[in-house]
């Protein structure tokens, strides 16, 4: 699949060095200021991606925490272990919902 990452315009952030997003493939890549490896998440909300691109008031650290790291739908795709965790999260999310008889 074709990826077209757009770098989110620079904002003051104490945690995030760089954030790139791809609206069409619902992906986000970012690196922290303290160094280390970069992270890539898939299945990121398209609405959230559009919001971070067009709303300059959105904090990058807040956005990453809510829409990637602590999201119930997004999963990390950069390592094998994290891909397995992402599959598990998706499988649990599809768990059958039984009707309530009250």
PDB file of N, CA and C in Angstrom:
ATOM      1  N   UNK A   1       0.832  -1.167   0.000  1.00  0.00           N
ATOM      2  CA  UNK A   1       0.000   0.000   0.000  1.00  0.00           C
ATOM      3  C   UNK A   1       0.885   1.241   0.000  1.00  0.00           C
ATOM      4  N   UNK A   2       0.422   2.261  -0.622  1.00  0.00           N
ATOM      5  CA  UNK A   2       1.141   3.523  -0.745  1.00  0.00           C
ATOM      6  C   UNK A   2       0.963   4.352   0.516  1.00  0.00           C
ATOM      7  N   UNK A   3       2.055   4.808   1.104  1.00  0.00           N
ATOM      8  CA  UNK A   3       2.000   5.659   2.292  1.00  0.00           C
ATOM      9  C   UNK A   3       2.409   7.073   1.931  1.00  0.00           C
ATOM     10  N   UNK A   4       1.670   8.030   2.462  1.00  0.00           N
ATOM     11  CA  UNK A   4       1.972   9.434   2.205  1.00  0.00           C
ATOM     12  C   UNK A   4       1.915  10.185   3.533  1.00  0.00           C
ATOM     13  N   UNK A   5       3.024  10.191   4.229  1.00  0.00           N
ATOM     14  CA  UNK A   5       3.078  10.837   5.536  1.00  0.00           C
ATOM     15  C   UNK A   5       3.217  12.343   5.375  1.00  0.00           C
ATOM     16  N   UNK A   6       2.502  13.063   6.210  1.00  0.00           N
ATOM     17  CA  UNK A   6       2.584  14.515   6.267  1.00  0.00           C
ATOM     18  C   UNK A   6       3.130  14.875   7.645  1.00  0.00           C
ATOM     19  N   UNK A   7       4.157  15.697   7.678  1.00  0.00           N
ATOM     20  CA  UNK A   7       4.708  16.134   8.954  1.00  0.00           C
ATOM     21  C   UNK A   7       3.797  17.195   9.542  1.00  0.00           C
ATOM     22  N   UNK A   8       3.365  16.974  10.766  1.00  0.00           N
ATOM     23  CA  UNK A   8       2.515  17.940  11.457  1.00  0.00           C
ATOM     24  C   UNK A   8       3.366  19.175  11.737  1.00  0.00           C
ATOM     25  N   UNK A   9       2.823  20.365  11.442  1.00  0.00           N
ATOM     26  CA  UNK A   9       3.598  21.592  11.670  1.00  0.00           C
ATOM     27  C   UNK A   9       4.145  21.664  13.096  1.00  0.00           C
ATOM     28  N   UNK A  10       5.353  22.173  13.215  1.00  0.00           N
ATOM     29  CA  UNK A  10       6.041  22.247  14.497  1.00  0.00           C
ATOM     30  C   UNK A  10       5.239  23.062  15.501  1.00  0.00           C
ATOM     31  N   UNK A  11       5.117  22.508  16.681  1.00  0.00           N
ATOM     32  CA  UNK A  11       4.465  23.181  17.795  1.00  0.00           C
ATOM     33  C   UNK A  11       5.345  23.003  19.013  1.00  0.00           C
ATOM     34  N   UNK A  12       5.115  23.817  20.002  1.00  0.00           N
ATOM     35  CA  UNK A  12       5.854  23.660  21.242  1.00  0.00           C
ATOM     36  C   UNK A  12       5.377  22.388  21.917  1.00  0.00           C
ATOM     37  N   UNK A  13       6.291  21.466  22.153  1.00  0.00           N
ATOM     38  CA  UNK A  13       5.960  20.211  22.822  1.00  0.00           C
ATOM     39  C   UNK A  13       7.128  19.804  23.690  1.00  0.00           C
ATOM     40  N   UNK A  14       6.847  19.453  24.924  1.00  0.00           N
ATOM     41  CA  UNK A  14       7.918  19.031  25.810  1.00  0.00           C
ATOM     42  C   UNK A  14       8.251  17.553  25.635  1.00  0.00           C
ATOM     43  N   UNK A  15       7.406  16.809  24.920  1.00  0.00           N
ATOM     44  CA  UNK A  15       7.605  15.364  24.795  1.00  0.00           C
ATOM     45  C   UNK A  15       7.877  14.893  23.371  1.00  0.00           C
ATOM     46  N   UNK A  16       7.178  15.449  22.393  1.00  0.00           N
ATOM     47  CA  UNK A  16       7.230  14.939  21.019  1.00  0.00           C
ATOM     48  C   UNK A  16       8.196  15.756  20.166  1.00  0.00           C
ATOM     49  N   UNK A  17       9.154  15.055  19.560  1.00  0.00           N
ATOM     50  CA  UNK A  17      10.126  15.703  18.668  1.00  0.00           C
ATOM     51  C   UNK A  17       9.516  15.924  17.287  1.00  0.00           C
ATOM     52  N   UNK A  18       8.885  14.873  16.747  1.00  0.00           N
ATOM     53  CA  UNK A  18       8.307  14.955  15.410  1.00  0.00           C
ATOM     54  C   UNK A  18       7.108  14.020  15.325  1.00  0.00           C
ATOM     55  N   UNK A  19       6.068  14.488  14.628  1.00  0.00           N
ATOM     56  CA  UNK A  19       4.863  13.688  14.404  1.00  0.00           C
ATOM     57  C   UNK A  19       4.526  13.738  12.932  1.00  0.00           C
ATOM     58  N   UNK A  20       4.373  12.561  12.332  1.00  0.00           N
ATOM     59  CA  UNK A  20       3.963  12.444  10.934  1.00  0.00           C
ATOM     60  C   UNK A  20       2.696  11.606  10.889  1.00  0.00           C
ATOM     61  N   UNK A  21       1.756  11.999  10.046  1.00  0.00           N
ATOM     62  CA  UNK A  21       0.494  11.272   9.939  1.00  0.00           C
ATOM     63  C   UNK A  21       0.156  10.998   8.485  1.00  0.00           C
ATOM     64  N   UNK A  22      -0.582   9.920   8.260  1.00  0.00           N
ATOM     65  CA  UNK A  22      -1.071   9.552   6.928  1.00  0.00           C
ATOM     66  C   UNK A  22      -2.567   9.323   7.054  1.00  0.00           C
ATOM     67  N   UNK A  23      -3.347  10.264   6.572  1.00  0.00           N
ATOM     68  CA  UNK A  23      -4.801  10.219   6.716  1.00  0.00           C
ATOM     69  C   UNK A  23      -5.417   9.036   5.971  1.00  0.00           C
ATOM     70  N   UNK A  24      -4.972   8.778   4.755  1.00  0.00           N
ATOM     71  CA  UNK A  24      -5.573   7.718   3.948  1.00  0.00           C
ATOM     72  C   UNK A  24      -5.338   6.325   4.510  1.00  0.00           C
ATOM     73  N   UNK A  25      -4.134   6.067   4.988  1.00  0.00           N
ATOM     74  CA  UNK A  25      -3.860   4.733   5.527  1.00  0.00           C
ATOM     75  C   UNK A  25      -4.003   4.679   7.047  1.00  0.00           C
ATOM     76  N   UNK A  26      -4.454   5.766   7.659  1.00  0.00           N
ATOM     77  CA  UNK A  26      -4.746   5.847   9.099  1.00  0.00           C
ATOM     78  C   UNK A  26      -3.536   5.470   9.950  1.00  0.00           C
ATOM     79  N   UNK A  27      -2.369   6.062   9.625  1.00  0.00           N
ATOM     80  CA  UNK A  27      -1.144   5.764  10.352  1.00  0.00           C
ATOM     81  C   UNK A  27      -0.551   7.038  10.945  1.00  0.00           C
ATOM     82  N   UNK A  28       0.213   6.846  12.015  1.00  0.00           N
ATOM     83  CA  UNK A  28       0.938   7.948  12.653  1.00  0.00           C
ATOM     84  C   UNK A  28       2.312   7.444  13.058  1.00  0.00           C
ATOM     85  N   UNK A  29       3.332   8.276  12.847  1.00  0.00           N
ATOM     86  CA  UNK A  29       4.695   7.974  13.277  1.00  0.00           C
ATOM     87  C   UNK A  29       5.171   9.136  14.129  1.00  0.00           C
ATOM     88  N   UNK A  30       5.890   8.817  15.194  1.00  0.00           N
ATOM     89  CA  UNK A  30       6.403   9.887  16.039  1.00  0.00           C
ATOM     90  C   UNK A  30       7.663   9.445  16.755  1.00  0.00           C
ATOM     91  N   UNK A  31       8.431  10.441  17.188  1.00  0.00           N
ATOM     92  CA  UNK A  31       9.609  10.205  18.014  1.00  0.00           C
ATOM     93  C   UNK A  31       9.528  11.136  19.213  1.00  0.00           C
ATOM     94  N   UNK A  32      10.039  10.651  20.334  1.00  0.00           N
ATOM     95  CA  UNK A  32      10.076  11.458  21.546  1.00  0.00           C
ATOM     96  C   UNK A  32      11.352  12.290  21.568  1.00  0.00           C
ATOM     97  N   UNK A  33      11.315  13.401  22.280  1.00  0.00           N
ATOM     98  CA  UNK A  33      12.483  14.275  22.376  1.00  0.00           C
ATOM     99  C   UNK A  33      13.637  13.629  23.120  1.00  0.00           C
ATOM    100  N   UNK A  34      13.352  12.692  24.009  1.00  0.00           N
ATOM    101  CA  UNK A  34      14.424  12.060  24.782  1.00  0.00           C
ATOM    102  C   UNK A  34      15.206  11.031  23.973  1.00  0.00           C
ATOM    103  N   UNK A  35      14.916  10.938  22.687  1.00  0.00           N
ATOM    104  CA  UNK A  35      15.663  10.023  21.824  1.00  0.00           C
ATOM    105  C   UNK A  35      14.995   8.670  21.733  1.00  0.00           C
ATOM    106  N   UNK A  36      15.786   7.681  21.401  1.00  0.00           N
ATOM    107  CA  UNK A  36      15.223   6.345  21.254  1.00  0.00           C
ATOM    108  C   UNK A  36      14.651   6.136  19.868  1.00  0.00           C
ATOM    109  N   UNK A  37      13.994   5.032  19.724  1.00  0.00           N
ATOM    110  CA  UNK A  37      13.459   4.670  18.410  1.00  0.00           C
ATOM    111  C   UNK A  37      12.166   5.412  18.115  1.00  0.00           C
ATOM    112  N   UNK A  38      11.781   5.393  16.853  1.00  0.00           N
ATOM    113  CA  UNK A  38      10.515   5.964  16.448  1.00  0.00           C
ATOM    114  C   UNK A  38       9.408   4.934  16.613  1.00  0.00           C
ATOM    115  N   UNK A  39       8.186   5.400  16.655  1.00  0.00           N
ATOM    116  CA  UNK A  39       7.029   4.529  16.819  1.00  0.00           C
ATOM    117  C   UNK A  39       6.078   4.756  15.656  1.00  0.00           C
ATOM    118  N   UNK A  40       5.421   3.688  15.231  1.00  0.00           N
ATOM    119  CA  UNK A  40       4.419   3.791  14.176  1.00  0.00           C
ATOM    120  C   UNK A  40       3.158   3.075  14.653  1.00  0.00           C
ATOM    121  N   UNK A  41       2.029   3.740  14.507  1.00  0.00           N
ATOM    122  CA  UNK A  41       0.744   3.167  14.891  1.00  0.00           C
ATOM    123  C   UNK A  41      -0.178   3.130  13.681  1.00  0.00           C
ATOM    124  N   UNK A  42      -0.949   2.053  13.582  1.00  0.00           N
ATOM    125  CA  UNK A  42      -1.944   1.895  12.517  1.00  0.00           C
ATOM    126  C   UNK A  42      -3.336   1.951  13.120  1.00  0.00           C
ATOM    127  N   UNK A  43      -4.314   2.114  12.249  1.00  0.00           N
ATOM    128  CA  UNK A  43      -5.732   2.185  12.620  1.00  0.00           C
ATOM    129  C   UNK A  43      -6.012   3.389  13.531  1.00  0.00           C
ATOM    130  N   UNK A  44      -5.313   4.482  13.271  1.00  0.00           N
ATOM    131  CA  UNK A  44      -5.532   5.720  14.011  1.00  0.00           C
ATOM    132  C   UNK A  44      -6.758   6.403  13.415  1.00  0.00           C
ATOM    133  N   UNK A  45      -7.567   7.003  14.241  1.00  0.00           N
ATOM    134  CA  UNK A  45      -8.794   7.660  13.809  1.00  0.00           C
ATOM    135  C   UNK A  45      -8.519   8.734  12.756  1.00  0.00           C
ATOM    136  N   UNK A  46      -9.249   8.672  11.644  1.00  0.00           N
ATOM    137  CA  UNK A  46      -9.100   9.679  10.588  1.00  0.00           C
ATOM    138  C   UNK A  46      -9.512  11.057  11.098  1.00  0.00           C
ATOM    139  N   UNK A  47     -10.537  11.088  11.921  1.00  0.00           N
ATOM    140  CA  UNK A  47     -10.995  12.361  12.487  1.00  0.00           C
ATOM    141  C   UNK A  47      -9.903  12.976  13.365  1.00  0.00           C
ATOM    142  N   UNK A  48      -9.225  12.139  14.151  1.00  0.00           N
ATOM    143  CA  UNK A  48      -8.147  12.628  15.011  1.00  0.00           C
ATOM    144  C   UNK A  48      -6.972  13.135  14.179  1.00  0.00           C
ATOM    145  N   UNK A  49      -6.653  12.435  13.093  1.00  0.00           N
ATOM    146  CA  UNK A  49      -5.556  12.866  12.222  1.00  0.00           C
ATOM    147  C   UNK A  49      -5.880  14.218  11.594  1.00  0.00           C
ATOM    148  N   UNK A  50      -7.090  14.367  11.077  1.00  0.00           N
ATOM    149  CA  UNK A  50      -7.491  15.648  10.487  1.00  0.00           C
ATOM    150  C   UNK A  50      -7.442  16.757  11.535  1.00  0.00           C
ATOM    151  N   UNK A  51      -7.863  16.446  12.749  1.00  0.00           N
ATOM    152  CA  UNK A  51      -7.863  17.441  13.816  1.00  0.00           C
ATOM    153  C   UNK A  51      -6.447  17.929  14.137  1.00  0.00           C
ATOM    154  N   UNK A  52      -5.491  17.016  14.239  1.00  0.00           N
ATOM    155  CA  UNK A  52      -4.133  17.438  14.570  1.00  0.00           C
ATOM    156  C   UNK A  52      -3.492  18.208  13.412  1.00  0.00           C
ATOM    157  N   UNK A  53      -3.893  17.901  12.183  1.00  0.00           N
ATOM    158  CA  UNK A  53      -3.339  18.613  11.031  1.00  0.00           C
ATOM    159  C   UNK A  53      -3.873  20.040  10.921  1.00  0.00           C
ATOM    160  N   UNK A  54      -5.151  20.238  11.192  1.00  0.00           N
ATOM    161  CA  UNK A  54      -5.780  21.535  10.930  1.00  0.00           C
ATOM    162  C   UNK A  54      -6.070  22.376  12.164  1.00  0.00           C
ATOM    163  N   UNK A  55      -5.848  21.829  13.353  1.00  0.00           N
ATOM    164  CA  UNK A  55      -6.103  22.578  14.575  1.00  0.00           C
ATOM    165  C   UNK A  55      -4.775  22.832  15.289  1.00  0.00           C
ATOM    166  N   UNK A  56      -4.236  24.046  15.174  1.00  0.00           N
ATOM    167  CA  UNK A  56      -2.924  24.332  15.757  1.00  0.00           C
ATOM    168  C   UNK A  56      -2.911  24.363  17.285  1.00  0.00           C
ATOM    169  N   UNK A  57      -4.076  24.297  17.909  1.00  0.00           N
ATOM    170  CA  UNK A  57      -4.142  24.338  19.369  1.00  0.00           C
ATOM    171  C   UNK A  57      -3.987  22.962  20.012  1.00  0.00           C
ATOM    172  N   UNK A  58      -3.983  21.899  19.215  1.00  0.00           N
ATOM    173  CA  UNK A  58      -3.879  20.546  19.761  1.00  0.00           C
ATOM    174  C   UNK A  58      -2.447  20.281  20.206  1.00  0.00           C
ATOM    175  N   UNK A  59      -2.300  19.854  21.448  1.00  0.00           N
ATOM    176  CA  UNK A  59      -0.995  19.488  21.985  1.00  0.00           C
ATOM    177  C   UNK A  59      -0.553  18.163  21.360  1.00  0.00           C
ATOM    178  N   UNK A  60       0.682  18.097  20.867  1.00  0.00           N
ATOM    179  CA  UNK A  60       1.172  16.876  20.229  1.00  0.00           C
ATOM    180  C   UNK A  60       1.281  15.728  21.229  1.00  0.00           C
ATOM    181  N   UNK A  61       1.773  15.999  22.421  1.00  0.00           N
ATOM    182  CA  UNK A  61       1.882  14.960  23.441  1.00  0.00           C
ATOM    183  C   UNK A  61       0.520  14.423  23.840  1.00  0.00           C
ATOM    184  N   UNK A  62      -0.434  15.320  24.032  1.00  0.00           N
ATOM    185  CA  UNK A  62      -1.799  14.928  24.370  1.00  0.00           C
ATOM    186  C   UNK A  62      -2.400  14.091  23.244  1.00  0.00           C
ATOM    187  N   UNK A  63      -2.180  14.509  21.999  1.00  0.00           N
ATOM    188  CA  UNK A  63      -2.727  13.798  20.838  1.00  0.00           C
ATOM    189  C   UNK A  63      -2.144  12.389  20.748  1.00  0.00           C
ATOM    190  N   UNK A  64      -0.827  12.270  20.880  1.00  0.00           N
ATOM    191  CA  UNK A  64      -0.172  10.960  20.797  1.00  0.00           C
ATOM    192  C   UNK A  64      -0.678  10.035  21.893  1.00  0.00           C
ATOM    193  N   UNK A  65      -0.774  10.546  23.118  1.00  0.00           N
ATOM    194  CA  UNK A  65      -1.258   9.719  24.222  1.00  0.00           C
ATOM    195  C   UNK A  65      -2.684   9.241  24.002  1.00  0.00           C
ATOM    196  N   UNK A  66      -3.567  10.126  23.576  1.00  0.00           N
ATOM    197  CA  UNK A  66      -4.975   9.762  23.427  1.00  0.00           C
ATOM    198  C   UNK A  66      -5.284   8.953  22.175  1.00  0.00           C
ATOM    199  N   UNK A  67      -4.576   9.211  21.079  1.00  0.00           N
ATOM    200  CA  UNK A  67      -4.941   8.590  19.807  1.00  0.00           C
ATOM    201  C   UNK A  67      -4.021   7.471  19.351  1.00  0.00           C
ATOM    202  N   UNK A  68      -2.917   7.264  20.063  1.00  0.00           N
ATOM    203  CA  UNK A  68      -2.008   6.172  19.708  1.00  0.00           C
ATOM    204  C   UNK A  68      -1.757   5.269  20.913  1.00  0.00           C
ATOM    205  N   UNK A  69      -1.057   5.784  21.891  1.00  0.00           N
ATOM    206  CA  UNK A  69      -0.601   4.960  23.011  1.00  0.00           C
ATOM    207  C   UNK A  69      -1.755   4.402  23.840  1.00  0.00           C
ATOM    208  N   UNK A  70      -2.713   5.238  24.215  1.00  0.00           N
ATOM    209  CA  UNK A  70      -3.818   4.802  25.071  1.00  0.00           C
ATOM    210  C   UNK A  70      -5.120   4.555  24.316  1.00  0.00           C
ATOM    211  N   UNK A  71      -5.055   4.482  23.022  1.00  0.00           N
ATOM    212  CA  UNK A  71      -6.249   4.257  22.206  1.00  0.00           C
ATOM    213  C   UNK A  71      -6.659   2.791  22.229  1.00  0.00           C
ATOM    214  N   UNK A  72      -7.962   2.555  22.213  1.00  0.00           N
ATOM    215  CA  UNK A  72      -8.456   1.178  22.152  1.00  0.00           C
ATOM    216  C   UNK A  72      -8.428   0.630  20.736  1.00  0.00           C
ATOM    217  N   UNK A  73      -8.354   1.504  19.733  1.00  0.00           N
ATOM    218  CA  UNK A  73      -8.413   1.039  18.351  1.00  0.00           C
ATOM    219  C   UNK A  73      -7.053   1.007  17.669  1.00  0.00           C
ATOM    220  N   UNK A  74      -6.164   1.910  18.007  1.00  0.00           N
ATOM    221  CA  UNK A  74      -4.858   1.980  17.346  1.00  0.00           C
ATOM    222  C   UNK A  74      -3.907   0.946  17.943  1.00  0.00           C
ATOM    223  N   UNK A  75      -2.980   0.482  17.116  1.00  0.00           N
ATOM    224  CA  UNK A  75      -1.990  -0.488  17.577  1.00  0.00           C
ATOM    225  C   UNK A  75      -0.642  -0.182  16.933  1.00  0.00           C
ATOM    226  N   UNK A  76       0.407  -0.488  17.679  1.00  0.00           N
ATOM    227  CA  UNK A  76       1.756  -0.225  17.207  1.00  0.00           C
ATOM    228  C   UNK A  76       2.163  -1.259  16.170  1.00  0.00           C
ATOM    229  N   UNK A  77       2.820  -0.803  15.117  1.00  0.00           N
ATOM    230  CA  UNK A  77       3.210  -1.706  14.035  1.00  0.00           C
ATOM    231  C   UNK A  77       4.718  -1.786  13.857  1.00  0.00           C
ATOM    232  N   UNK A  78       5.502  -1.186  14.752  1.00  0.00           N
ATOM    233  CA  UNK A  78       6.942  -1.157  14.528  1.00  0.00           C
ATOM    234  C   UNK A  78       7.702  -2.392  14.972  1.00  0.00           C
ATOM    235  N   UNK A  79       7.167  -3.194  15.875  1.00  0.00           N
ATOM    236  CA  UNK A  79       7.874  -4.400  16.291  1.00  0.00           C
ATOM    237  C   UNK A  79       6.936  -5.598  16.250  1.00  0.00           C
ATOM    238  N   UNK A  80       7.507  -6.790  16.168  1.00  0.00           N
ATOM    239  CA  UNK A  80       6.704  -8.005  16.098  1.00  0.00           C
ATOM    240  C   UNK A  80       5.836  -8.178  17.335  1.00  0.00           C
ATOM    241  N   UNK A  81       6.397  -7.941  18.507  1.00  0.00           N
ATOM    242  CA  UNK A  81       5.643  -8.095  19.746  1.00  0.00           C
ATOM    243  C   UNK A  81       4.446  -7.154  19.764  1.00  0.00           C
ATOM    244  N   UNK A  82       4.664  -5.914  19.337  1.00  0.00           N
ATOM    245  CA  UNK A  82       3.592  -4.941  19.372  1.00  0.00           C
ATOM    246  C   UNK A  82       2.516  -5.227  18.330  1.00  0.00           C
ATOM    247  N   UNK A  83       2.896  -5.817  17.210  1.00  0.00           N
ATOM    248  CA  UNK A  83       1.903  -6.213  16.223  1.00  0.00           C
ATOM    249  C   UNK A  83       0.992  -7.284  16.819  1.00  0.00           C
ATOM    250  N   UNK A  84       1.575  -8.238  17.549  1.00  0.00           N
ATOM    251  CA  UNK A  84       0.785  -9.286  18.200  1.00  0.00           C
ATOM    252  C   UNK A  84      -0.151  -8.680  19.244  1.00  0.00           C
ATOM    253  N   UNK A  85       0.325  -7.701  20.002  1.00  0.00           N
ATOM    254  CA  UNK A  85      -0.519  -7.033  20.990  1.00  0.00           C
ATOM    255  C   UNK A  85      -1.661  -6.297  20.284  1.00  0.00           C
ATOM    256  N   UNK A  86      -1.359  -5.674  19.165  1.00  0.00           N
ATOM    257  CA  UNK A  86      -2.393  -4.980  18.392  1.00  0.00           C
ATOM    258  C   UNK A  86      -3.458  -5.936  17.889  1.00  0.00           C
ATOM    259  N   UNK A  87      -3.044  -7.108  17.427  1.00  0.00           N
ATOM    260  CA  UNK A  87      -4.015  -8.115  16.974  1.00  0.00           C
ATOM    261  C   UNK A  87      -4.885  -8.576  18.133  1.00  0.00           C
ATOM    262  N   UNK A  88      -4.272  -8.760  19.283  1.00  0.00           N
ATOM    263  CA  UNK A  88      -5.025  -9.179  20.464  1.00  0.00           C
ATOM    264  C   UNK A  88      -6.035  -8.103  20.863  1.00  0.00           C
ATOM    265  N   UNK A  89      -5.621  -6.840  20.837  1.00  0.00           N
ATOM    266  CA  UNK A  89      -6.532  -5.747  21.172  1.00  0.00           C
ATOM    267  C   UNK A  89      -7.724  -5.724  20.222  1.00  0.00           C
ATOM    268  N   UNK A  90      -7.461  -5.930  18.928  1.00  0.00           N
ATOM    269  CA  UNK A  90      -8.551  -5.934  17.941  1.00  0.00           C
ATOM    270  C   UNK A  90      -9.480  -7.119  18.153  1.00  0.00           C
ATOM    271  N   UNK A  91      -8.912  -8.287  18.457  1.00  0.00           N
ATOM    272  CA  UNK A  91      -9.729  -9.484  18.688  1.00  0.00           C
ATOM    273  C   UNK A  91     -10.616  -9.299  19.914  1.00  0.00           C
ATOM    274  N   UNK A  92     -10.081  -8.717  20.974  1.00  0.00           N
ATOM    275  CA  UNK A  92     -10.876  -8.484  22.179  1.00  0.00           C
ATOM    276  C   UNK A  92     -11.973  -7.455  21.934  1.00  0.00           C
ATOM    277  N   UNK A  93     -11.690  -6.486  21.080  1.00  0.00           N
ATOM    278  CA  UNK A  93     -12.682  -5.454  20.777  1.00  0.00           C
ATOM    279  C   UNK A  93     -13.864  -6.039  20.003  1.00  0.00           C
ATOM    280  N   UNK A  94     -13.644  -7.132  19.265  1.00  0.00           N
ATOM    281  CA  UNK A  94     -14.694  -7.748  18.459  1.00  0.00           C
ATOM    282  C   UNK A  94     -15.456  -8.798  19.245  1.00  0.00           C
ATOM    283  N   UNK A  95     -15.174  -8.918  20.534  1.00  0.00           N
ATOM    284  CA  UNK A  95     -15.815  -9.912  21.370  1.00  0.00           C
ATOM    285  C   UNK A  95     -17.335  -9.721  21.314  1.00  0.00           C
ATOM    286  N   UNK A  96     -18.059 -10.818  21.326  1.00  0.00           N
ATOM    287  CA  UNK A  96     -19.523 -10.774  21.206  1.00  0.00           C
ATOM    288  C   UNK A  96     -20.150  -9.991  22.357  1.00  0.00           C
ATOM    289  N   UNK A  97     -21.117  -9.185  22.033  1.00  0.00           N
ATOM    290  CA  UNK A  97     -21.863  -8.418  23.018  1.00  0.00           C
ATOM    291  C   UNK A  97     -23.228  -9.071  23.189  1.00  0.00           C
ATOM    292  N   UNK A  98     -23.475  -9.608  24.368  1.00  0.00           N
ATOM    293  CA  UNK A  98     -24.744 -10.259  24.642  1.00  0.00           C
ATOM    294  C   UNK A  98     -25.775  -9.231  25.071  1.00  0.00           C
ATOM    295  N   UNK A  99     -27.040  -9.447  24.691  1.00  0.00           N
ATOM    296  CA  UNK A  99     -28.075  -8.501  25.084  1.00  0.00           C
ATOM    297  C   UNK A  99     -28.336  -8.552  26.587  1.00  0.00           C
ATOM    298  N   UNK A 100     -28.762  -7.447  27.099  1.00  0.00           N
ATOM    299  CA  UNK A 100     -29.072  -7.342  28.516  1.00  0.00           C
ATOM    300  C   UNK A 100     -30.568  -7.571  28.711  1.00  0.00           C
ATOM    301  N   UNK A 101     -30.933  -8.481  29.598  1.00  0.00           N
ATOM    302  CA  UNK A 101     -32.324  -8.742  29.888  1.00  0.00           C
ATOM    303  C   UNK A 101     -32.635  -8.220  31.284  1.00  0.00           C
ATOM    304  N   UNK A 102     -33.152  -7.035  31.342  1.00  0.00           N
ATOM    305  CA  UNK A 102     -33.428  -6.450  32.655  1.00  0.00           C
ATOM    306  C   UNK A 102     -34.915  -6.324  32.905  1.00  0.00           C
TER     307      UNK A 102
END
